[in-house]
Amino acid sequence: MGKIMNNRQDIISKALDRLNGFLAENGLPKANCVHSSKETLPTVEFNSGKRLFILDATAIPATKIEEECTLRGKESILAIAPFFPPTTAELLGAAHVNYIDTAGNLLLRVNGNVLCVRNCPRPPELIRRLTPGRCWNPQGLKVLFLLLTEKDALNWTYREIAAGCGASLGTINNVMREAQERGHLLKWGKGFRWGDRNRMIDLWAANYALQLLPRLEITRYQGEPIPTDGKCPLIAGGETAAAEAGLAGTTFGEYWRQGNIAPVIAKARWRIADDGNITVKKAFWPETRSFKGHVHWLLVYADLLSKDDSRCQEIAAEVRAKYLEDEP
């Protein structure tokens, strides 16, 4: 097992090794990394004299990489990260962003040529590293969801947090301690504040797809999607919430259920179908917590990101920018 990458130079070196391996296999001259000074970005220099400035995209949310490259002049930028998932790679490619990762995925436009490698799997060491500790297991994700989405929850007692997310006091204690040790939470008066809330949003969304979503009770139906009004035991999520907000049109229905939904299903004349156009997930939060019309935008964002669909990825970017960027 290789060493886990823990700094920018490790990532750049391994990604460049992958790139040069590809170039050598195709009879092309190797590229070199040039570090001119501490004040300027390192560059990758090709045999033709073409240079691309390196952008370390490791800590940049997928939805922000294109924006960052555009601001810097994407024709002269090379985005590098430990791994670009297929959906992210597709978005970057469509936006004409050059990228390489340590798995071997790459897209380069150099001297009129397009070099492309797709679908290299995530390195095993990164799979383990993505979900460390108690914060990112299913119970920890439930705790963090409450803290990220409920106003003033960072100032609640542990008992109030436990009641709000349905976890045990022992779980709350473990998650809060680990979150402080990792710098996710900082002591602030009698409560806490986020070390970097934006990063926590993206960590939560990524780990939700891997750890919590696969464990949820999900039922699929065929029928016509219905509007939600806050009184119905079905709460809009994902594509449906985005559609109701005017961000997208969709023939799919995506809902969360709290309580008995049998009367609603009967009235809407939905029928159970494995390949149905309507998805209903059982809520992972207590029924004492309610949402009006649709679930919190963090969960909408996470569900959209979890889909291997470029359209949903684009909608997720809109949700992120419109509803999650400016929250405290």
C-alpha atoms as a PDB file:
ATOM      1  CA  MET A   1       0.000   0.000   0.000  1.00  0.00           C
ATOM      2  CA  GLY A   2       1.421   3.372  -1.006  1.00  0.00           C
ATOM      3  CA  LYS A   3       1.947   6.292   1.305  1.00  0.00           C
ATOM      4  CA  ILE A   4      -1.120   8.461   1.843  1.00  0.00           C
ATOM      5  CA  MET A   5      -0.630  11.824   0.197  1.00  0.00           C
ATOM      6  CA  ASN A   6      -0.639  14.571   2.789  1.00  0.00           C
ATOM      7  CA  ASN A   7       0.761  17.661   1.062  1.00  0.00           C
ATOM      8  CA  ARG A   8       0.601  19.479  -2.241  1.00  0.00           C
ATOM      9  CA  GLN A   9       4.026  18.357  -3.414  1.00  0.00           C
ATOM     10  CA  ASP A  10       3.107  14.672  -2.941  1.00  0.00           C
ATOM     11  CA  ILE A  11      -0.012  15.173  -5.049  1.00  0.00           C
ATOM     12  CA  ILE A  12       1.773  17.099  -7.795  1.00  0.00           C
ATOM     13  CA  SER A  13       4.630  14.574  -7.975  1.00  0.00           C
ATOM     14  CA  LYS A  14       2.354  11.539  -8.207  1.00  0.00           C
ATOM     15  CA  ALA A  15       0.002  13.164 -10.733  1.00  0.00           C
ATOM     16  CA  LEU A  16       3.006  14.196 -12.851  1.00  0.00           C
ATOM     17  CA  ASP A  17       4.348  10.630 -12.690  1.00  0.00           C
ATOM     18  CA  ARG A  18       1.023   9.383 -14.022  1.00  0.00           C
ATOM     19  CA  LEU A  19       1.074  11.980 -16.786  1.00  0.00           C
ATOM     20  CA  ASN A  20       4.620  11.128 -17.828  1.00  0.00           C
ATOM     21  CA  GLY A  21       3.781   7.434 -17.821  1.00  0.00           C
ATOM     22  CA  PHE A  22       0.983   8.136 -20.281  1.00  0.00           C
ATOM     23  CA  LEU A  23       3.230  10.351 -22.434  1.00  0.00           C
ATOM     24  CA  ALA A  24       5.979   7.704 -22.513  1.00  0.00           C
ATOM     25  CA  GLU A  25       3.530   4.955 -23.485  1.00  0.00           C
ATOM     26  CA  ASN A  26       2.497   7.059 -26.459  1.00  0.00           C
ATOM     27  CA  GLY A  27       6.039   7.976 -27.540  1.00  0.00           C
ATOM     28  CA  LEU A  28       5.764  11.585 -26.383  1.00  0.00           C
ATOM     29  CA  PRO A  29       8.408  13.630 -24.502  1.00  0.00           C
ATOM     30  CA  LYS A  30       8.011  13.908 -20.754  1.00  0.00           C
ATOM     31  CA  ALA A  31       6.750  17.014 -18.999  1.00  0.00           C
ATOM     32  CA  ASN A  32       8.580  18.754 -16.165  1.00  0.00           C
ATOM     33  CA  CYS A  33       7.385  20.581 -13.079  1.00  0.00           C
ATOM     34  CA  VAL A  34       8.991  23.989 -12.624  1.00  0.00           C
ATOM     35  CA  HIS A  35       9.011  25.832  -9.281  1.00  0.00           C
ATOM     36  CA  SER A  36      10.069  29.412  -9.968  1.00  0.00           C
ATOM     37  CA  SER A  37       9.445  30.969  -6.531  1.00  0.00           C
ATOM     38  CA  LYS A  38       7.314  30.665  -3.407  1.00  0.00           C
ATOM     39  CA  GLU A  39       5.164  33.571  -4.589  1.00  0.00           C
ATOM     40  CA  THR A  40       4.148  32.075  -7.938  1.00  0.00           C
ATOM     41  CA  LEU A  41       2.279  28.925  -8.882  1.00  0.00           C
ATOM     42  CA  PRO A  42       4.404  25.966 -10.018  1.00  0.00           C
ATOM     43  CA  THR A  43       4.050  25.087 -13.682  1.00  0.00           C
ATOM     44  CA  VAL A  44       4.140  22.000 -15.854  1.00  0.00           C
ATOM     45  CA  GLU A  45       6.347  22.557 -18.889  1.00  0.00           C
ATOM     46  CA  PHE A  46       5.982  20.472 -22.034  1.00  0.00           C
ATOM     47  CA  ASN A  47       8.658  19.748 -24.633  1.00  0.00           C
ATOM     48  CA  SER A  48       7.081  22.228 -27.038  1.00  0.00           C
ATOM     49  CA  GLY A  49       7.597  25.056 -24.559  1.00  0.00           C
ATOM     50  CA  LYS A  50       3.942  25.141 -23.543  1.00  0.00           C
ATOM     51  CA  ARG A  51       3.475  25.862 -19.842  1.00  0.00           C
ATOM     52  CA  LEU A  52       0.434  25.332 -17.637  1.00  0.00           C
ATOM     53  CA  PHE A  53       0.177  26.830 -14.164  1.00  0.00           C
ATOM     54  CA  ILE A  54      -0.741  24.231 -11.541  1.00  0.00           C
ATOM     55  CA  LEU A  55      -3.901  24.774  -9.495  1.00  0.00           C
ATOM     56  CA  ASP A  56      -4.081  22.498  -6.454  1.00  0.00           C
ATOM     57  CA  ALA A  57      -7.791  21.597  -6.553  1.00  0.00           C
ATOM     58  CA  THR A  58      -7.617  19.188  -3.600  1.00  0.00           C
ATOM     59  CA  ALA A  59      -9.551  21.402  -1.189  1.00  0.00           C
ATOM     60  CA  ILE A  60     -11.728  23.142  -3.782  1.00  0.00           C
ATOM     61  CA  PRO A  61     -15.332  21.884  -4.077  1.00  0.00           C
ATOM     62  CA  ALA A  62     -15.979  20.246  -7.438  1.00  0.00           C
ATOM     63  CA  THR A  63     -18.547  22.887  -8.302  1.00  0.00           C
ATOM     64  CA  LYS A  64     -15.955  25.639  -7.766  1.00  0.00           C
ATOM     65  CA  ILE A  65     -13.006  24.278  -9.782  1.00  0.00           C
ATOM     66  CA  GLU A  66     -14.298  25.541 -13.128  1.00  0.00           C
ATOM     67  CA  GLU A  67     -14.989  28.972 -11.633  1.00  0.00           C
ATOM     68  CA  GLU A  68     -11.497  29.172 -10.136  1.00  0.00           C
ATOM     69  CA  CYS A  69      -9.850  28.107 -13.405  1.00  0.00           C
ATOM     70  CA  THR A  70     -11.912  30.614 -15.389  1.00  0.00           C
ATOM     71  CA  LEU A  71     -10.859  33.447 -13.077  1.00  0.00           C
ATOM     72  CA  ARG A  72      -7.203  32.534 -13.546  1.00  0.00           C
ATOM     73  CA  GLY A  73      -7.482  31.948 -17.310  1.00  0.00           C
ATOM     74  CA  LYS A  74      -8.332  28.284 -17.808  1.00  0.00           C
ATOM     75  CA  GLU A  75      -6.386  27.898 -21.054  1.00  0.00           C
ATOM     76  CA  SER A  76      -3.188  28.328 -19.017  1.00  0.00           C
ATOM     77  CA  ILE A  77      -4.233  26.394 -15.875  1.00  0.00           C
ATOM     78  CA  LEU A  78      -3.843  22.711 -15.000  1.00  0.00           C
ATOM     79  CA  ALA A  79      -6.077  21.502 -12.147  1.00  0.00           C
ATOM     80  CA  ILE A  80      -4.521  18.739 -10.035  1.00  0.00           C
ATOM     81  CA  ALA A  81      -6.111  16.659  -7.263  1.00  0.00           C
ATOM     82  CA  PRO A  82      -5.722  13.199  -5.740  1.00  0.00           C
ATOM     83  CA  PHE A  83      -8.813  12.053  -7.659  1.00  0.00           C
ATOM     84  CA  PHE A  84     -11.460  13.548  -9.943  1.00  0.00           C
ATOM     85  CA  PRO A  85     -14.666  11.415  -9.897  1.00  0.00           C
ATOM     86  CA  PRO A  86     -16.204  10.707 -13.336  1.00  0.00           C
ATOM     87  CA  THR A  87     -18.936  13.307 -12.873  1.00  0.00           C
ATOM     88  CA  THR A  88     -16.395  15.988 -11.959  1.00  0.00           C
ATOM     89  CA  ALA A  89     -14.151  14.959 -14.860  1.00  0.00           C
ATOM     90  CA  GLU A  90     -17.111  15.257 -17.213  1.00  0.00           C
ATOM     91  CA  LEU A  91     -17.920  18.750 -15.960  1.00  0.00           C
ATOM     92  CA  LEU A  92     -14.306  19.914 -16.272  1.00  0.00           C
ATOM     93  CA  GLY A  93     -13.982  18.442 -19.743  1.00  0.00           C
ATOM     94  CA  ALA A  94     -17.152  20.158 -20.949  1.00  0.00           C
ATOM     95  CA  ALA A  95     -15.816  23.440 -19.557  1.00  0.00           C
ATOM     96  CA  HIS A  96     -12.454  22.983 -21.356  1.00  0.00           C
ATOM     97  CA  VAL A  97     -10.500  22.799 -18.104  1.00  0.00           C
ATOM     98  CA  ASN A  98      -7.172  20.927 -18.182  1.00  0.00           C
ATOM     99  CA  TYR A  99      -6.795  18.417 -15.341  1.00  0.00           C
ATOM    100  CA  ILE A 100      -4.786  15.436 -14.112  1.00  0.00           C
ATOM    101  CA  ASP A 101      -5.068  13.327 -10.963  1.00  0.00           C
ATOM    102  CA  THR A 102      -3.005  10.732  -9.124  1.00  0.00           C
ATOM    103  CA  ALA A 103      -5.175   7.882 -10.426  1.00  0.00           C
ATOM    104  CA  GLY A 104      -4.149   8.624 -14.020  1.00  0.00           C
ATOM    105  CA  ASN A 105      -7.252  10.471 -15.236  1.00  0.00           C
ATOM    106  CA  LEU A 106      -6.324  13.432 -17.409  1.00  0.00           C
ATOM    107  CA  LEU A 107      -7.516  15.854 -20.049  1.00  0.00           C
ATOM    108  CA  LEU A 108      -4.978  18.161 -21.652  1.00  0.00           C
ATOM    109  CA  ARG A 109      -5.205  20.533 -24.588  1.00  0.00           C
ATOM    110  CA  VAL A 110      -1.638  21.189 -25.708  1.00  0.00           C
ATOM    111  CA  ASN A 111      -0.542  22.609 -29.071  1.00  0.00           C
ATOM    112  CA  GLY A 112      -3.771  21.723 -30.797  1.00  0.00           C
ATOM    113  CA  ASN A 113      -3.802  18.159 -29.458  1.00  0.00           C
ATOM    114  CA  VAL A 114      -6.238  16.701 -26.933  1.00  0.00           C
ATOM    115  CA  LEU A 115      -4.906  14.040 -24.541  1.00  0.00           C
ATOM    116  CA  CYS A 116      -7.531  12.181 -22.559  1.00  0.00           C
ATOM    117  CA  VAL A 117      -7.666   9.284 -20.084  1.00  0.00           C
ATOM    118  CA  ARG A 118     -10.968   8.530 -18.311  1.00  0.00           C
ATOM    119  CA  ASN A 119     -12.435   6.122 -15.739  1.00  0.00           C
ATOM    120  CA  CYS A 120      -9.270   5.278 -13.798  1.00  0.00           C
ATOM    121  CA  PRO A 121     -10.587   4.103 -10.379  1.00  0.00           C
ATOM    122  CA  ARG A 122     -10.109   5.964  -7.120  1.00  0.00           C
ATOM    123  CA  PRO A 123      -6.814   4.872  -5.460  1.00  0.00           C
ATOM    124  CA  PRO A 124      -7.548   2.470  -2.547  1.00  0.00           C
ATOM    125  CA  GLU A 125      -5.756   4.640   0.013  1.00  0.00           C
ATOM    126  CA  LEU A 126      -8.094   7.528  -0.808  1.00  0.00           C
ATOM    127  CA  ILE A 127     -11.199   5.394  -0.306  1.00  0.00           C
ATOM    128  CA  ARG A 128     -10.145   4.685   3.273  1.00  0.00           C
ATOM    129  CA  ARG A 129      -9.026   8.235   3.913  1.00  0.00           C
ATOM    130  CA  LEU A 130     -12.281   9.836   2.805  1.00  0.00           C
ATOM    131  CA  THR A 131     -14.352   8.608   5.734  1.00  0.00           C
ATOM    132  CA  PRO A 132     -12.197   8.541   8.880  1.00  0.00           C
ATOM    133  CA  GLY A 133     -13.469   8.401  12.419  1.00  0.00           C
ATOM    134  CA  ARG A 134     -16.812   8.820  14.079  1.00  0.00           C
ATOM    135  CA  CYS A 135     -17.762  12.086  12.366  1.00  0.00           C
ATOM    136  CA  TRP A 136     -18.276  10.374   9.031  1.00  0.00           C
ATOM    137  CA  ASN A 137     -20.010   7.134   9.949  1.00  0.00           C
ATOM    138  CA  PRO A 138     -23.831   7.082   9.542  1.00  0.00           C
ATOM    139  CA  GLN A 139     -24.552   8.180  13.118  1.00  0.00           C
ATOM    140  CA  GLY A 140     -21.925  10.913  12.994  1.00  0.00           C
ATOM    141  CA  LEU A 141     -23.383  12.228   9.735  1.00  0.00           C
ATOM    142  CA  LYS A 142     -26.798  12.499  11.398  1.00  0.00           C
ATOM    143  CA  VAL A 143     -25.293  14.570  14.207  1.00  0.00           C
ATOM    144  CA  LEU A 144     -23.412  16.849  11.814  1.00  0.00           C
ATOM    145  CA  PHE A 145     -26.506  17.276   9.640  1.00  0.00           C
ATOM    146  CA  LEU A 146     -28.358  18.741  12.599  1.00  0.00           C
ATOM    147  CA  LEU A 147     -25.452  21.011  13.533  1.00  0.00           C
ATOM    148  CA  LEU A 148     -25.082  22.249   9.951  1.00  0.00           C
ATOM    149  CA  THR A 149     -28.766  22.864   9.328  1.00  0.00           C
ATOM    150  CA  GLU A 150     -30.391  23.914  12.606  1.00  0.00           C
ATOM    151  CA  LYS A 151     -29.876  27.500  13.680  1.00  0.00           C
ATOM    152  CA  ASP A 152     -28.106  27.831  17.037  1.00  0.00           C
ATOM    153  CA  ALA A 153     -27.614  24.045  17.386  1.00  0.00           C
ATOM    154  CA  LEU A 154     -23.904  24.647  18.061  1.00  0.00           C
ATOM    155  CA  ASN A 155     -24.986  26.292  21.308  1.00  0.00           C
ATOM    156  CA  TRP A 156     -27.322  23.494  22.405  1.00  0.00           C
ATOM    157  CA  THR A 157     -26.567  21.069  25.203  1.00  0.00           C
ATOM    158  CA  TYR A 158     -25.525  17.557  24.223  1.00  0.00           C
ATOM    159  CA  ARG A 159     -28.893  16.287  25.425  1.00  0.00           C
ATOM    160  CA  GLU A 160     -30.716  18.745  23.138  1.00  0.00           C
ATOM    161  CA  ILE A 161     -28.503  17.732  20.201  1.00  0.00           C
ATOM    162  CA  ALA A 162     -29.201  14.052  20.884  1.00  0.00           C
ATOM    163  CA  ALA A 163     -32.962  14.698  20.887  1.00  0.00           C
ATOM    164  CA  GLY A 164     -32.718  16.733  17.696  1.00  0.00           C
ATOM    165  CA  CYS A 165     -30.864  14.117  15.638  1.00  0.00           C
ATOM    166  CA  GLY A 166     -31.962  10.850  17.266  1.00  0.00           C
ATOM    167  CA  ALA A 167     -28.455   9.761  18.329  1.00  0.00           C
ATOM    168  CA  SER A 168     -27.349   8.622  21.778  1.00  0.00           C
ATOM    169  CA  LEU A 169     -25.539  10.895  24.223  1.00  0.00           C
ATOM    170  CA  GLY A 170     -22.467   8.685  23.853  1.00  0.00           C
ATOM    171  CA  THR A 171     -22.467   9.242  20.099  1.00  0.00           C
ATOM    172  CA  ILE A 172     -22.853  13.007  20.554  1.00  0.00           C
ATOM    173  CA  ASN A 173     -19.921  13.079  22.956  1.00  0.00           C
ATOM    174  CA  ASN A 174     -17.688  11.071  20.606  1.00  0.00           C
ATOM    175  CA  VAL A 175     -18.569  13.100  17.522  1.00  0.00           C
ATOM    176  CA  MET A 176     -18.143  16.460  19.242  1.00  0.00           C
ATOM    177  CA  ARG A 177     -14.791  15.449  20.712  1.00  0.00           C
ATOM    178  CA  GLU A 178     -13.474  14.187  17.382  1.00  0.00           C
ATOM    179  CA  ALA A 179     -14.778  17.248  15.524  1.00  0.00           C
ATOM    180  CA  GLN A 180     -12.829  19.467  17.925  1.00  0.00           C
ATOM    181  CA  GLU A 181      -9.670  17.362  17.627  1.00  0.00           C
ATOM    182  CA  ARG A 182      -9.789  17.658  13.839  1.00  0.00           C
ATOM    183  CA  GLY A 183     -10.465  21.390  13.907  1.00  0.00           C
ATOM    184  CA  HIS A 184     -13.956  21.085  12.447  1.00  0.00           C
ATOM    185  CA  LEU A 185     -15.407  22.692  15.589  1.00  0.00           C
ATOM    186  CA  LEU A 186     -13.863  25.448  17.685  1.00  0.00           C
ATOM    187  CA  LYS A 187     -14.902  26.425  21.206  1.00  0.00           C
ATOM    188  CA  TRP A 188     -16.774  29.727  21.188  1.00  0.00           C
ATOM    189  CA  GLY A 189     -18.107  31.046  24.477  1.00  0.00           C
ATOM    190  CA  LYS A 190     -20.367  28.390  25.953  1.00  0.00           C
ATOM    191  CA  GLY A 191     -20.839  26.705  22.573  1.00  0.00           C
ATOM    192  CA  PHE A 192     -18.952  26.161  19.340  1.00  0.00           C
ATOM    193  CA  ARG A 193     -18.400  27.630  15.897  1.00  0.00           C
ATOM    194  CA  TRP A 194     -17.255  26.008  12.664  1.00  0.00           C
ATOM    195  CA  GLY A 195     -13.589  25.993  11.776  1.00  0.00           C
ATOM    196  CA  ASP A 196     -14.523  26.028   8.059  1.00  0.00           C
ATOM    197  CA  ARG A 197     -18.234  25.608   7.423  1.00  0.00           C
ATOM    198  CA  ASN A 198     -17.898  25.550   3.628  1.00  0.00           C
ATOM    199  CA  ARG A 199     -15.467  22.648   3.812  1.00  0.00           C
ATOM    200  CA  MET A 200     -17.782  20.822   6.217  1.00  0.00           C
ATOM    201  CA  ILE A 201     -20.649  21.166   3.744  1.00  0.00           C
ATOM    202  CA  ASP A 202     -18.639  19.419   1.038  1.00  0.00           C
ATOM    203  CA  LEU A 203     -17.244  16.781   3.387  1.00  0.00           C
ATOM    204  CA  TRP A 204     -20.741  16.029   4.621  1.00  0.00           C
ATOM    205  CA  ALA A 205     -22.136  15.757   1.078  1.00  0.00           C
ATOM    206  CA  ALA A 206     -19.322  13.432  -0.050  1.00  0.00           C
ATOM    207  CA  ASN A 207     -19.604  11.136   2.957  1.00  0.00           C
ATOM    208  CA  TYR A 208     -23.415  11.144   2.863  1.00  0.00           C
ATOM    209  CA  ALA A 209     -23.256   9.509  -0.573  1.00  0.00           C
ATOM    210  CA  LEU A 210     -20.815   6.844   0.621  1.00  0.00           C
ATOM    211  CA  GLN A 211     -21.914   6.114   4.172  1.00  0.00           C
ATOM    212  CA  LEU A 212     -25.488   7.178   4.860  1.00  0.00           C
ATOM    213  CA  LEU A 213     -27.368   7.029   1.550  1.00  0.00           C
ATOM    214  CA  PRO A 214     -26.685   3.287   0.944  1.00  0.00           C
ATOM    215  CA  ARG A 215     -28.186   2.473   4.361  1.00  0.00           C
ATOM    216  CA  LEU A 216     -31.447   4.360   3.932  1.00  0.00           C
ATOM    217  CA  GLU A 217     -34.808   2.677   3.408  1.00  0.00           C
ATOM    218  CA  ILE A 218     -35.788   3.601  -0.162  1.00  0.00           C
ATOM    219  CA  THR A 219     -38.950   2.720  -2.094  1.00  0.00           C
ATOM    220  CA  ARG A 220     -39.564   3.433  -5.788  1.00  0.00           C
ATOM    221  CA  TYR A 221     -42.948   4.151  -7.343  1.00  0.00           C
ATOM    222  CA  GLN A 222     -44.372   4.885 -10.770  1.00  0.00           C
ATOM    223  CA  GLY A 223     -46.744   7.791 -11.133  1.00  0.00           C
ATOM    224  CA  GLU A 224     -47.080  11.547 -11.358  1.00  0.00           C
ATOM    225  CA  PRO A 225     -45.022  13.640  -8.914  1.00  0.00           C
ATOM    226  CA  ILE A 226     -47.103  15.702  -6.500  1.00  0.00           C
ATOM    227  CA  PRO A 227     -46.471  19.141  -4.953  1.00  0.00           C
ATOM    228  CA  THR A 228     -45.620  19.363  -1.250  1.00  0.00           C
ATOM    229  CA  ASP A 229     -47.050  21.966   1.095  1.00  0.00           C
ATOM    230  CA  GLY A 230     -45.507  21.307   4.494  1.00  0.00           C
ATOM    231  CA  LYS A 231     -48.576  19.410   5.770  1.00  0.00           C
ATOM    232  CA  CYS A 232     -47.993  16.290   3.673  1.00  0.00           C
ATOM    233  CA  PRO A 233     -45.878  13.500   5.236  1.00  0.00           C
ATOM    234  CA  LEU A 234     -43.837  13.591   2.006  1.00  0.00           C
ATOM    235  CA  ILE A 235     -41.136  16.257   1.884  1.00  0.00           C
ATOM    236  CA  ALA A 236     -39.534  17.284  -1.410  1.00  0.00           C
ATOM    237  CA  GLY A 237     -35.827  16.589  -1.861  1.00  0.00           C
ATOM    238  CA  GLY A 238     -33.202  16.373  -4.608  1.00  0.00           C
ATOM    239  CA  GLU A 239     -34.517  17.054  -8.111  1.00  0.00           C
ATOM    240  CA  THR A 240     -38.053  17.744  -6.913  1.00  0.00           C
ATOM    241  CA  ALA A 241     -36.941  20.446  -4.464  1.00  0.00           C
ATOM    242  CA  ALA A 242     -34.766  22.002  -7.178  1.00  0.00           C
ATOM    243  CA  ALA A 243     -37.670  21.910  -9.650  1.00  0.00           C
ATOM    244  CA  GLU A 244     -40.056  23.531  -7.162  1.00  0.00           C
ATOM    245  CA  ALA A 245     -37.475  26.296  -6.675  1.00  0.00           C
ATOM    246  CA  GLY A 246     -37.354  26.888 -10.426  1.00  0.00           C
ATOM    247  CA  LEU A 247     -33.818  25.576 -10.853  1.00  0.00           C
ATOM    248  CA  ALA A 248     -34.704  22.666 -13.146  1.00  0.00           C
ATOM    249  CA  GLY A 249     -37.485  20.809 -14.866  1.00  0.00           C
ATOM    250  CA  THR A 250     -37.881  17.097 -14.187  1.00  0.00           C
ATOM    251  CA  THR A 251     -40.279  14.206 -14.678  1.00  0.00           C
ATOM    252  CA  PHE A 252     -38.814  12.478 -11.621  1.00  0.00           C
ATOM    253  CA  GLY A 253     -40.154  12.731  -8.101  1.00  0.00           C
ATOM    254  CA  GLU A 254     -37.759  12.693  -5.154  1.00  0.00           C
ATOM    255  CA  TYR A 255     -39.188  12.759  -1.632  1.00  0.00           C
ATOM    256  CA  TRP A 256     -38.461  12.023   2.023  1.00  0.00           C
ATOM    257  CA  ARG A 257     -41.151  10.524   4.219  1.00  0.00           C
ATOM    258  CA  GLN A 258     -42.068  11.283   7.808  1.00  0.00           C
ATOM    259  CA  GLY A 259     -45.049   9.354   9.142  1.00  0.00           C
ATOM    260  CA  ASN A 260     -47.785   7.446   7.320  1.00  0.00           C
ATOM    261  CA  ILE A 261     -47.761   8.136   3.580  1.00  0.00           C
ATOM    262  CA  ALA A 262     -50.264   5.426   2.574  1.00  0.00           C
ATOM    263  CA  PRO A 263     -53.204   7.870   2.097  1.00  0.00           C
ATOM    264  CA  VAL A 264     -51.014  10.127  -0.058  1.00  0.00           C
ATOM    265  CA  ILE A 265     -49.879   7.240  -2.257  1.00  0.00           C
ATOM    266  CA  ALA A 266     -53.436   5.990  -2.654  1.00  0.00           C
ATOM    267  CA  LYS A 267     -54.715   9.429  -3.627  1.00  0.00           C
ATOM    268  CA  ALA A 268     -51.860   9.970  -6.094  1.00  0.00           C
ATOM    269  CA  ARG A 269     -52.345   6.434  -7.469  1.00  0.00           C
ATOM    270  CA  TRP A 270     -48.684   5.552  -7.289  1.00  0.00           C
ATOM    271  CA  ARG A 271     -47.678   1.919  -7.701  1.00  0.00           C
ATOM    272  CA  ILE A 272     -44.477   0.279  -6.496  1.00  0.00           C
ATOM    273  CA  ALA A 273     -41.998  -0.233  -9.359  1.00  0.00           C
ATOM    274  CA  ASP A 274     -38.301  -1.049  -9.161  1.00  0.00           C
ATOM    275  CA  ASP A 275     -37.596   1.211 -12.140  1.00  0.00           C
ATOM    276  CA  GLY A 276     -40.169   3.841 -11.211  1.00  0.00           C
ATOM    277  CA  ASN A 277     -39.761   7.570 -11.677  1.00  0.00           C
ATOM    278  CA  ILE A 278     -40.480   8.402  -8.027  1.00  0.00           C
ATOM    279  CA  THR A 279     -38.078   7.782  -5.143  1.00  0.00           C
ATOM    280  CA  VAL A 280     -39.149   7.960  -1.502  1.00  0.00           C
ATOM    281  CA  LYS A 281     -36.535   7.774   1.265  1.00  0.00           C
ATOM    282  CA  LYS A 282     -37.309   7.283   4.945  1.00  0.00           C
ATOM    283  CA  ALA A 283     -36.190  10.322   6.980  1.00  0.00           C
ATOM    284  CA  PHE A 284     -33.077   9.737   9.099  1.00  0.00           C
ATOM    285  CA  TRP A 285     -34.009  12.499  11.564  1.00  0.00           C
ATOM    286  CA  PRO A 286     -36.653  12.319  14.329  1.00  0.00           C
ATOM    287  CA  GLU A 287     -40.260  13.088  13.441  1.00  0.00           C
ATOM    288  CA  THR A 288     -40.158  15.873  16.010  1.00  0.00           C
ATOM    289  CA  ARG A 289     -38.077  17.821  13.495  1.00  0.00           C
ATOM    290  CA  SER A 290     -40.051  19.135  10.537  1.00  0.00           C
ATOM    291  CA  PHE A 291     -39.269  20.839   7.241  1.00  0.00           C
ATOM    292  CA  LYS A 292     -41.712  22.986   5.303  1.00  0.00           C
ATOM    293  CA  GLY A 293     -42.161  21.909   1.699  1.00  0.00           C
ATOM    294  CA  HIS A 294     -38.658  20.604   1.122  1.00  0.00           C
ATOM    295  CA  VAL A 295     -35.728  19.316   3.171  1.00  0.00           C
ATOM    296  CA  HIS A 296     -32.796  21.565   3.990  1.00  0.00           C
ATOM    297  CA  TRP A 297     -30.750  22.653   0.976  1.00  0.00           C
ATOM    298  CA  LEU A 298     -27.703  20.795   2.306  1.00  0.00           C
ATOM    299  CA  LEU A 299     -29.543  17.496   1.798  1.00  0.00           C
ATOM    300  CA  VAL A 300     -30.864  18.625  -1.597  1.00  0.00           C
ATOM    301  CA  TYR A 301     -27.287  19.462  -2.595  1.00  0.00           C
ATOM    302  CA  ALA A 302     -25.921  16.142  -1.333  1.00  0.00           C
ATOM    303  CA  ASP A 303     -28.578  14.088  -3.132  1.00  0.00           C
ATOM    304  CA  LEU A 304     -27.965  15.902  -6.412  1.00  0.00           C
ATOM    305  CA  LEU A 305     -24.199  15.413  -6.089  1.00  0.00           C
ATOM    306  CA  SER A 306     -24.673  11.700  -5.405  1.00  0.00           C
ATOM    307  CA  LYS A 307     -26.065  11.142  -8.907  1.00  0.00           C
ATOM    308  CA  ASP A 308     -23.692  10.262 -11.753  1.00  0.00           C
ATOM    309  CA  ASP A 309     -25.441  12.750 -14.003  1.00  0.00           C
ATOM    310  CA  SER A 310     -23.911  15.961 -15.347  1.00  0.00           C
ATOM    311  CA  ARG A 311     -27.276  17.768 -15.317  1.00  0.00           C
ATOM    312  CA  CYS A 312     -27.743  17.029 -11.612  1.00  0.00           C
ATOM    313  CA  GLN A 313     -24.172  18.138 -10.946  1.00  0.00           C
ATOM    314  CA  GLU A 314     -24.903  21.482 -12.600  1.00  0.00           C
ATOM    315  CA  ILE A 315     -28.098  21.915 -10.580  1.00  0.00           C
ATOM    316  CA  ALA A 316     -26.138  21.048  -7.419  1.00  0.00           C
ATOM    317  CA  ALA A 317     -23.720  23.871  -8.228  1.00  0.00           C
ATOM    318  CA  GLU A 318     -26.654  26.294  -8.460  1.00  0.00           C
ATOM    319  CA  VAL A 319     -28.068  25.080  -5.153  1.00  0.00           C
ATOM    320  CA  ARG A 320     -24.648  25.444  -3.520  1.00  0.00           C
ATOM    321  CA  ALA A 321     -24.178  28.989  -4.776  1.00  0.00           C
ATOM    322  CA  LYS A 322     -27.714  30.204  -4.160  1.00  0.00           C
ATOM    323  CA  TYR A 323     -28.656  28.609  -0.860  1.00  0.00           C
ATOM    324  CA  LEU A 324     -25.548  27.419   0.987  1.00  0.00           C
ATOM    325  CA  GLU A 325     -22.764  29.939   0.371  1.00  0.00           C
ATOM    326  CA  ASP A 326     -24.048  32.783   2.496  1.00  0.00           C
ATOM    327  CA  GLU A 327     -25.292  30.845   5.512  1.00  0.00           C
ATOM    328  CA  PRO A 328     -23.494  31.556   8.813  1.00  0.00           C
END
